[in-house]
Amino acid sequence: KGRFTISGDNAKNTVYLQMNSLKSEDTAVYYCAA
């Protein structure tokens, strides 16, 4: 919270994840689900 922002174009079933102020603990494989 406060660092990541989710947004989307629902008509296109597209979603974005803007990740700011990244930390080492954010290291991971990121999966999208629907």
PDB file of all heavy atoms in Angstrom:
ATOM      1  N   LYS A   1       0.834  -1.206   0.000  1.00  0.00           N
ATOM      2  CA  LYS A   1       0.000   0.000   0.000  1.00  0.00           C
ATOM      3  C   LYS A   1       0.867   1.254   0.000  1.00  0.00           C
ATOM      4  O   LYS A   1       1.833   1.359   0.748  1.00  0.00           O
ATOM      5  CB  LYS A   1      -0.914   0.004   1.219  1.00  0.00           C
ATOM      6  CG  LYS A   1      -2.163  -0.834   1.072  1.00  0.00           C
ATOM      7  CD  LYS A   1      -3.025  -0.753   2.326  1.00  0.00           C
ATOM      8  CE  LYS A   1      -4.248  -1.644   2.199  1.00  0.00           C
ATOM      9  NZ  LYS A   1      -5.055  -1.663   3.448  1.00  0.00           N
ATOM     10  N   GLY A   2       0.487   2.190  -0.863  1.00  0.00           N
ATOM     11  CA  GLY A   2       1.228   3.429  -0.950  1.00  0.00           C
ATOM     12  C   GLY A   2       2.414   3.366  -1.905  1.00  0.00           C
ATOM     13  O   GLY A   2       2.985   4.393  -2.249  1.00  0.00           O
ATOM     14  N   ARG A   3       2.780   2.155  -2.319  1.00  0.00           N
ATOM     15  CA  ARG A   3       3.908   1.989  -3.251  1.00  0.00           C
ATOM     16  C   ARG A   3       3.462   1.413  -4.597  1.00  0.00           C
ATOM     17  O   ARG A   3       4.014   1.778  -5.634  1.00  0.00           O
ATOM     18  CB  ARG A   3       4.961   1.054  -2.642  1.00  0.00           C
ATOM     19  CG  ARG A   3       5.553   1.558  -1.343  1.00  0.00           C
ATOM     20  CD  ARG A   3       6.736   0.703  -0.910  1.00  0.00           C
ATOM     21  NE  ARG A   3       6.372  -0.683  -0.666  1.00  0.00           N
ATOM     22  CZ  ARG A   3       6.924  -1.719  -1.299  1.00  0.00           C
ATOM     23  NH1 ARG A   3       7.867  -1.535  -2.212  1.00  0.00           N
ATOM     24  NH2 ARG A   3       6.543  -2.954  -1.002  1.00  0.00           N
ATOM     25  N   PHE A   4       2.497   0.519  -4.572  1.00  0.00           N
ATOM     26  CA  PHE A   4       2.010  -0.130  -5.788  1.00  0.00           C
ATOM     27  C   PHE A   4       0.628   0.406  -6.128  1.00  0.00           C
ATOM     28  O   PHE A   4      -0.176   0.709  -5.236  1.00  0.00           O
ATOM     29  CB  PHE A   4       1.912  -1.636  -5.599  1.00  0.00           C
ATOM     30  CG  PHE A   4       3.224  -2.370  -5.474  1.00  0.00           C
ATOM     31  CD1 PHE A   4       4.424  -1.691  -5.300  1.00  0.00           C
ATOM     32  CD2 PHE A   4       3.255  -3.750  -5.523  1.00  0.00           C
ATOM     33  CE1 PHE A   4       5.624  -2.371  -5.173  1.00  0.00           C
ATOM     34  CE2 PHE A   4       4.445  -4.447  -5.406  1.00  0.00           C
ATOM     35  CZ  PHE A   4       5.627  -3.745  -5.223  1.00  0.00           C
ATOM     36  N   THR A   5       0.353   0.488  -7.422  1.00  0.00           N
ATOM     37  CA  THR A   5      -0.961   0.918  -7.884  1.00  0.00           C
ATOM     38  C   THR A   5      -1.439  -0.031  -8.972  1.00  0.00           C
ATOM     39  O   THR A   5      -0.723  -0.266  -9.956  1.00  0.00           O
ATOM     40  CB  THR A   5      -0.917   2.344  -8.445  1.00  0.00           C
ATOM     41  OG1 THR A   5      -0.443   3.246  -7.425  1.00  0.00           O
ATOM     42  CG2 THR A   5      -2.297   2.792  -8.891  1.00  0.00           C
ATOM     43  N   ILE A   6      -2.655  -0.542  -8.795  1.00  0.00           N
ATOM     44  CA  ILE A   6      -3.244  -1.399  -9.809  1.00  0.00           C
ATOM     45  C   ILE A   6      -4.237  -0.571 -10.615  1.00  0.00           C
ATOM     46  O   ILE A   6      -4.965   0.270 -10.067  1.00  0.00           O
ATOM     47  CB  ILE A   6      -3.920  -2.646  -9.185  1.00  0.00           C
ATOM     48  CG1 ILE A   6      -4.314  -3.646 -10.267  1.00  0.00           C
ATOM     49  CG2 ILE A   6      -5.111  -2.265  -8.320  1.00  0.00           C
ATOM     50  CD1 ILE A   6      -4.733  -5.012  -9.713  1.00  0.00           C
ATOM     51  N   SER A   7      -4.236  -0.783 -11.912  1.00  0.00           N
ATOM     52  CA  SER A   7      -5.173  -0.090 -12.786  1.00  0.00           C
ATOM     53  C   SER A   7      -5.511  -1.026 -13.930  1.00  0.00           C
ATOM     54  O   SER A   7      -4.841  -2.041 -14.139  1.00  0.00           O
ATOM     55  CB  SER A   7      -4.585   1.223 -13.303  1.00  0.00           C
ATOM     56  OG  SER A   7      -3.416   0.980 -14.068  1.00  0.00           O
ATOM     57  N   GLY A   8      -6.536  -0.650 -14.677  1.00  0.00           N
ATOM     58  CA  GLY A   8      -6.902  -1.561 -15.749  1.00  0.00           C
ATOM     59  C   GLY A   8      -7.765  -0.934 -16.811  1.00  0.00           C
ATOM     60  O   GLY A   8      -8.372   0.125 -16.607  1.00  0.00           O
ATOM     61  N   ASP A   9      -7.758  -1.587 -17.939  1.00  0.00           N
ATOM     62  CA  ASP A   9      -8.679  -1.273 -19.026  1.00  0.00           C
ATOM     63  C   ASP A   9      -9.638  -2.466 -19.083  1.00  0.00           C
ATOM     64  O   ASP A   9      -9.350  -3.478 -19.708  1.00  0.00           O
ATOM     65  CB  ASP A   9      -7.916  -1.103 -20.332  1.00  0.00           C
ATOM     66  CG  ASP A   9      -8.829  -0.691 -21.481  1.00  0.00           C
ATOM     67  OD1 ASP A   9     -10.057  -0.916 -21.392  1.00  0.00           O
ATOM     68  OD2 ASP A   9      -8.323  -0.160 -22.466  1.00  0.00           O
ATOM     69  N   ASN A  10     -10.760  -2.318 -18.417  1.00  0.00           N
ATOM     70  CA  ASN A  10     -11.638  -3.474 -18.248  1.00  0.00           C
ATOM     71  C   ASN A  10     -12.221  -3.953 -19.567  1.00  0.00           C
ATOM     72  O   ASN A  10     -12.459  -5.147 -19.748  1.00  0.00           O
ATOM     73  CB  ASN A  10     -12.738  -3.135 -17.252  1.00  0.00           C
ATOM     74  CG  ASN A  10     -12.181  -2.772 -15.901  1.00  0.00           C
ATOM     75  OD1 ASN A  10     -11.926  -1.612 -15.607  1.00  0.00           O
ATOM     76  ND2 ASN A  10     -11.954  -3.767 -15.065  1.00  0.00           N
ATOM     77  N   ALA A  11     -12.441  -3.049 -20.497  1.00  0.00           N
ATOM     78  CA  ALA A  11     -12.988  -3.444 -21.792  1.00  0.00           C
ATOM     79  C   ALA A  11     -12.022  -4.354 -22.547  1.00  0.00           C
ATOM     80  O   ALA A  11     -12.443  -5.177 -23.362  1.00  0.00           O
ATOM     81  CB  ALA A  11     -13.313  -2.215 -22.626  1.00  0.00           C
ATOM     82  N   LYS A  12     -10.744  -4.210 -22.258  1.00  0.00           N
ATOM     83  CA  LYS A  12      -9.726  -5.015 -22.926  1.00  0.00           C
ATOM     84  C   LYS A  12      -9.191  -6.120 -22.023  1.00  0.00           C
ATOM     85  O   LYS A  12      -8.249  -6.823 -22.410  1.00  0.00           O
ATOM     86  CB  LYS A  12      -8.572  -4.118 -23.378  1.00  0.00           C
ATOM     87  CG  LYS A  12      -8.973  -3.069 -24.405  1.00  0.00           C
ATOM     88  CD  LYS A  12      -7.765  -2.225 -24.819  1.00  0.00           C
ATOM     89  CE  LYS A  12      -8.164  -1.171 -25.843  1.00  0.00           C
ATOM     90  NZ  LYS A  12      -7.005  -0.331 -26.244  1.00  0.00           N
ATOM     91  N   ASN A  13      -9.756  -6.251 -20.840  1.00  0.00           N
ATOM     92  CA  ASN A  13      -9.279  -7.260 -19.884  1.00  0.00           C
ATOM     93  C   ASN A  13      -7.772  -7.167 -19.677  1.00  0.00           C
ATOM     94  O   ASN A  13      -7.052  -8.169 -19.674  1.00  0.00           O
ATOM     95  CB  ASN A  13      -9.689  -8.666 -20.317  1.00  0.00           C
ATOM     96  CG  ASN A  13     -11.170  -8.912 -20.139  1.00  0.00           C
ATOM     97  OD1 ASN A  13     -11.768  -8.505 -19.144  1.00  0.00           O
ATOM     98  ND2 ASN A  13     -11.777  -9.560 -21.114  1.00  0.00           N
ATOM     99  N   THR A  14      -7.330  -5.943 -19.517  1.00  0.00           N
ATOM    100  CA  THR A  14      -5.911  -5.664 -19.304  1.00  0.00           C
ATOM    101  C   THR A  14      -5.741  -5.003 -17.947  1.00  0.00           C
ATOM    102  O   THR A  14      -6.526  -4.127 -17.585  1.00  0.00           O
ATOM    103  CB  THR A  14      -5.379  -4.747 -20.412  1.00  0.00           C
ATOM    104  OG1 THR A  14      -5.557  -5.393 -21.675  1.00  0.00           O
ATOM    105  CG2 THR A  14      -3.898  -4.459 -20.205  1.00  0.00           C
ATOM    106  N   VAL A  15      -4.723  -5.398 -17.228  1.00  0.00           N
ATOM    107  CA  VAL A  15      -4.456  -4.823 -15.920  1.00  0.00           C
ATOM    108  C   VAL A  15      -2.977  -4.495 -15.807  1.00  0.00           C
ATOM    109  O   VAL A  15      -2.134  -5.166 -16.412  1.00  0.00           O
ATOM    110  CB  VAL A  15      -4.895  -5.787 -14.787  1.00  0.00           C
ATOM    111  CG1 VAL A  15      -4.063  -7.054 -14.784  1.00  0.00           C
ATOM    112  CG2 VAL A  15      -4.843  -5.098 -13.441  1.00  0.00           C
ATOM    113  N   TYR A  16      -2.691  -3.447 -15.064  1.00  0.00           N
ATOM    114  CA  TYR A  16      -1.322  -2.990 -14.870  1.00  0.00           C
ATOM    115  C   TYR A  16      -1.011  -2.929 -13.372  1.00  0.00           C
ATOM    116  O   TYR A  16      -1.894  -2.694 -12.551  1.00  0.00           O
ATOM    117  CB  TYR A  16      -1.117  -1.605 -15.480  1.00  0.00           C
ATOM    118  CG  TYR A  16      -1.552  -1.519 -16.921  1.00  0.00           C
ATOM    119  CD1 TYR A  16      -2.798  -0.993 -17.253  1.00  0.00           C
ATOM    120  CD2 TYR A  16      -0.734  -1.967 -17.943  1.00  0.00           C
ATOM    121  CE1 TYR A  16      -3.219  -0.929 -18.564  1.00  0.00           C
ATOM    122  CE2 TYR A  16      -1.142  -1.905 -19.267  1.00  0.00           C
ATOM    123  CZ  TYR A  16      -2.385  -1.378 -19.570  1.00  0.00           C
ATOM    124  OH  TYR A  16      -2.799  -1.317 -20.873  1.00  0.00           O
ATOM    125  N   LEU A  17       0.235  -3.122 -13.063  1.00  0.00           N
ATOM    126  CA  LEU A  17       0.692  -2.957 -11.687  1.00  0.00           C
ATOM    127  C   LEU A  17       1.911  -2.045 -11.715  1.00  0.00           C
ATOM    128  O   LEU A  17       2.991  -2.451 -12.154  1.00  0.00           O
ATOM    129  CB  LEU A  17       1.051  -4.291 -11.046  1.00  0.00           C
ATOM    130  CG  LEU A  17       1.400  -4.227  -9.559  1.00  0.00           C
ATOM    131  CD1 LEU A  17       0.166  -3.847  -8.738  1.00  0.00           C
ATOM    132  CD2 LEU A  17       1.979  -5.549  -9.069  1.00  0.00           C
ATOM    133  N   GLN A  18       1.713  -0.807 -11.291  1.00  0.00           N
ATOM    134  CA  GLN A  18       2.809   0.138 -11.199  1.00  0.00           C
ATOM    135  C   GLN A  18       3.459  -0.022  -9.836  1.00  0.00           C
ATOM    136  O   GLN A  18       2.800   0.135  -8.804  1.00  0.00           O
ATOM    137  CB  GLN A  18       2.296   1.570 -11.365  1.00  0.00           C
ATOM    138  CG  GLN A  18       3.366   2.638 -11.238  1.00  0.00           C
ATOM    139  CD  GLN A  18       4.393   2.581 -12.344  1.00  0.00           C
ATOM    140  OE1 GLN A  18       4.035   2.408 -13.513  1.00  0.00           O
ATOM    141  NE2 GLN A  18       5.659   2.715 -11.991  1.00  0.00           N
ATOM    142  N   MET A  19       4.735  -0.344  -9.843  1.00  0.00           N
ATOM    143  CA  MET A  19       5.450  -0.619  -8.599  1.00  0.00           C
ATOM    144  C   MET A  19       6.535   0.438  -8.416  1.00  0.00           C
ATOM    145  O   MET A  19       7.461   0.537  -9.223  1.00  0.00           O
ATOM    146  CB  MET A  19       6.068  -2.018  -8.656  1.00  0.00           C
ATOM    147  CG  MET A  19       5.075  -3.120  -8.952  1.00  0.00           C
ATOM    148  SD  MET A  19       5.770  -4.778  -8.854  1.00  0.00           S
ATOM    149  CE  MET A  19       6.912  -4.726 -10.218  1.00  0.00           C
ATOM    150  N   ASN A  20       6.390   1.233  -7.377  1.00  0.00           N
ATOM    151  CA  ASN A  20       7.352   2.284  -7.059  1.00  0.00           C
ATOM    152  C   ASN A  20       8.030   1.991  -5.734  1.00  0.00           C
ATOM    153  O   ASN A  20       7.571   1.159  -4.951  1.00  0.00           O
ATOM    154  CB  ASN A  20       6.641   3.635  -6.991  1.00  0.00           C
ATOM    155  CG  ASN A  20       6.000   4.041  -8.295  1.00  0.00           C
ATOM    156  OD1 ASN A  20       6.474   3.694  -9.380  1.00  0.00           O
ATOM    157  ND2 ASN A  20       4.898   4.775  -8.206  1.00  0.00           N
ATOM    158  N   SER A  21       9.115   2.665  -5.499  1.00  0.00           N
ATOM    159  CA  SER A  21       9.862   2.511  -4.242  1.00  0.00           C
ATOM    160  C   SER A  21      10.110   1.047  -3.927  1.00  0.00           C
ATOM    161  O   SER A  21       9.876   0.574  -2.802  1.00  0.00           O
ATOM    162  CB  SER A  21       9.093   3.182  -3.093  1.00  0.00           C
ATOM    163  OG  SER A  21       8.869   4.546  -3.360  1.00  0.00           O
ATOM    164  N   LEU A  22      10.585   0.335  -4.907  1.00  0.00           N
ATOM    165  CA  LEU A  22      10.780  -1.101  -4.751  1.00  0.00           C
ATOM    166  C   LEU A  22      11.841  -1.420  -3.713  1.00  0.00           C
ATOM    167  O   LEU A  22      12.826  -0.687  -3.556  1.00  0.00           O
ATOM    168  CB  LEU A  22      11.136  -1.725  -6.107  1.00  0.00           C
ATOM    169  CG  LEU A  22       9.939  -1.901  -7.043  1.00  0.00           C
ATOM    170  CD1 LEU A  22      10.386  -2.071  -8.480  1.00  0.00           C
ATOM    171  CD2 LEU A  22       9.096  -3.092  -6.599  1.00  0.00           C
ATOM    172  N   LYS A  23      11.586  -2.523  -3.018  1.00  0.00           N
ATOM    173  CA  LYS A  23      12.486  -2.985  -1.967  1.00  0.00           C
ATOM    174  C   LYS A  23      12.988  -4.381  -2.332  1.00  0.00           C
ATOM    175  O   LYS A  23      12.349  -5.090  -3.120  1.00  0.00           O
ATOM    176  CB  LYS A  23      11.750  -3.046  -0.629  1.00  0.00           C
ATOM    177  CG  LYS A  23      11.068  -1.753  -0.217  1.00  0.00           C
ATOM    178  CD  LYS A  23      10.259  -1.956   1.047  1.00  0.00           C
ATOM    179  CE  LYS A  23       9.531  -0.689   1.457  1.00  0.00           C
ATOM    180  NZ  LYS A  23       8.721  -0.889   2.689  1.00  0.00           N
ATOM    181  N   SER A  24      14.049  -4.796  -1.696  1.00  0.00           N
ATOM    182  CA  SER A  24      14.588  -6.125  -1.985  1.00  0.00           C
ATOM    183  C   SER A  24      13.563  -7.215  -1.658  1.00  0.00           C
ATOM    184  O   SER A  24      13.511  -8.248  -2.335  1.00  0.00           O
ATOM    185  CB  SER A  24      15.879  -6.347  -1.210  1.00  0.00           C
ATOM    186  OG  SER A  24      15.664  -6.193   0.181  1.00  0.00           O
ATOM    187  N   GLU A  25      12.736  -6.965  -0.664  1.00  0.00           N
ATOM    188  CA  GLU A  25      11.729  -7.963  -0.297  1.00  0.00           C
ATOM    189  C   GLU A  25      10.586  -8.080  -1.299  1.00  0.00           C
ATOM    190  O   GLU A  25       9.722  -8.939  -1.161  1.00  0.00           O
ATOM    191  CB  GLU A  25      11.163  -7.691   1.103  1.00  0.00           C
ATOM    192  CG  GLU A  25      10.679  -6.274   1.320  1.00  0.00           C
ATOM    193  CD  GLU A  25      11.723  -5.426   2.034  1.00  0.00           C
ATOM    194  OE1 GLU A  25      12.918  -5.480   1.649  1.00  0.00           O
ATOM    195  OE2 GLU A  25      11.331  -4.686   2.957  1.00  0.00           O
ATOM    196  N   ASP A  26      10.575  -7.205  -2.297  1.00  0.00           N
ATOM    197  CA  ASP A  26       9.585  -7.320  -3.378  1.00  0.00           C
ATOM    198  C   ASP A  26      10.045  -8.315  -4.442  1.00  0.00           C
ATOM    199  O   ASP A  26       9.284  -8.628  -5.364  1.00  0.00           O
ATOM    200  CB  ASP A  26       9.348  -5.959  -4.040  1.00  0.00           C
ATOM    201  CG  ASP A  26       8.688  -4.971  -3.106  1.00  0.00           C
ATOM    202  OD1 ASP A  26       7.751  -5.360  -2.377  1.00  0.00           O
ATOM    203  OD2 ASP A  26       9.109  -3.786  -3.107  1.00  0.00           O
ATOM    204  N   THR A  27      11.261  -8.793  -4.327  1.00  0.00           N
ATOM    205  CA  THR A  27      11.774  -9.764  -5.290  1.00  0.00           C
ATOM    206  C   THR A  27      10.954 -11.042  -5.252  1.00  0.00           C
ATOM    207  O   THR A  27      10.765 -11.647  -4.190  1.00  0.00           O
ATOM    208  CB  THR A  27      13.250 -10.087  -4.987  1.00  0.00           C
ATOM    209  OG1 THR A  27      14.037  -8.916  -5.186  1.00  0.00           O
ATOM    210  CG2 THR A  27      13.754 -11.203  -5.890  1.00  0.00           C
ATOM    211  N   ALA A  28      10.438 -11.429  -6.411  1.00  0.00           N
ATOM    212  CA  ALA A  28       9.573 -12.599  -6.501  1.00  0.00           C
ATOM    213  C   ALA A  28       9.176 -12.812  -7.956  1.00  0.00           C
ATOM    214  O   ALA A  28       9.416 -11.949  -8.810  1.00  0.00           O
ATOM    215  CB  ALA A  28       8.321 -12.409  -5.649  1.00  0.00           C
ATOM    216  N   VAL A  29       8.542 -13.938  -8.201  1.00  0.00           N
ATOM    217  CA  VAL A  29       7.831 -14.131  -9.465  1.00  0.00           C
ATOM    218  C   VAL A  29       6.424 -13.591  -9.261  1.00  0.00           C
ATOM    219  O   VAL A  29       5.744 -13.962  -8.298  1.00  0.00           O
ATOM    220  CB  VAL A  29       7.789 -15.609  -9.871  1.00  0.00           C
ATOM    221  CG1 VAL A  29       6.985 -15.767 -11.158  1.00  0.00           C
ATOM    222  CG2 VAL A  29       9.208 -16.152 -10.055  1.00  0.00           C
ATOM    223  N   TYR A  30       6.030 -12.711 -10.143  1.00  0.00           N
ATOM    224  CA  TYR A  30       4.715 -12.090 -10.065  1.00  0.00           C
ATOM    225  C   TYR A  30       3.768 -12.773 -11.045  1.00  0.00           C
ATOM    226  O   TYR A  30       4.079 -12.902 -12.237  1.00  0.00           O
ATOM    227  CB  TYR A  30       4.816 -10.596 -10.360  1.00  0.00           C
ATOM    228  CG  TYR A  30       5.353  -9.821  -9.189  1.00  0.00           C
ATOM    229  CD1 TYR A  30       6.690  -9.944  -8.808  1.00  0.00           C
ATOM    230  CD2 TYR A  30       4.545  -8.980  -8.428  1.00  0.00           C
ATOM    231  CE1 TYR A  30       7.195  -9.261  -7.711  1.00  0.00           C
ATOM    232  CE2 TYR A  30       5.033  -8.289  -7.338  1.00  0.00           C
ATOM    233  CZ  TYR A  30       6.359  -8.440  -6.980  1.00  0.00           C
ATOM    234  OH  TYR A  30       6.857  -7.749  -5.889  1.00  0.00           O
ATOM    235  N   TYR A  31       2.623 -13.172 -10.533  1.00  0.00           N
ATOM    236  CA  TYR A  31       1.627 -13.867 -11.325  1.00  0.00           C
ATOM    237  C   TYR A  31       0.362 -13.016 -11.449  1.00  0.00           C
ATOM    238  O   TYR A  31      -0.083 -12.409 -10.474  1.00  0.00           O
ATOM    239  CB  TYR A  31       1.237 -15.186 -10.672  1.00  0.00           C
ATOM    240  CG  TYR A  31       2.355 -16.186 -10.586  1.00  0.00           C
ATOM    241  CD1 TYR A  31       3.179 -16.231  -9.469  1.00  0.00           C
ATOM    242  CD2 TYR A  31       2.581 -17.091 -11.615  1.00  0.00           C
ATOM    243  CE1 TYR A  31       4.208 -17.159  -9.376  1.00  0.00           C
ATOM    244  CE2 TYR A  31       3.609 -18.019 -11.536  1.00  0.00           C
ATOM    245  CZ  TYR A  31       4.413 -18.037 -10.416  1.00  0.00           C
ATOM    246  OH  TYR A  31       5.434 -18.962 -10.335  1.00  0.00           O
ATOM    247  N   CYS A  32      -0.190 -13.029 -12.634  1.00  0.00           N
ATOM    248  CA  CYS A  32      -1.478 -12.396 -12.882  1.00  0.00           C
ATOM    249  C   CYS A  32      -2.545 -13.491 -12.912  1.00  0.00           C
ATOM    250  O   CYS A  32      -2.304 -14.582 -13.437  1.00  0.00           O
ATOM    251  CB  CYS A  32      -1.445 -11.648 -14.209  1.00  0.00           C
ATOM    252  SG  CYS A  32      -2.979 -10.801 -14.628  1.00  0.00           S
ATOM    253  N   ALA A  33      -3.704 -13.174 -12.350  1.00  0.00           N
ATOM    254  CA  ALA A  33      -4.796 -14.136 -12.311  1.00  0.00           C
ATOM    255  C   ALA A  33      -6.098 -13.448 -12.681  1.00  0.00           C
ATOM    256  O   ALA A  33      -6.249 -12.240 -12.444  1.00  0.00           O
ATOM    257  CB  ALA A  33      -4.902 -14.750 -10.914  1.00  0.00           C
ATOM    258  N   ALA A  34      -7.024 -14.220 -13.211  1.00  0.00           N
ATOM    259  CA  ALA A  34      -8.297 -13.660 -13.653  1.00  0.00           C
ATOM    260  C   ALA A  34      -9.443 -14.574 -13.262  1.00  0.00           C
ATOM    261  O   ALA A  34      -9.289 -15.796 -13.177  1.00  0.00           O
ATOM    262  CB  ALA A  34      -8.290 -13.451 -15.173  1.00  0.00           C
TER     263      ALA A  34
END
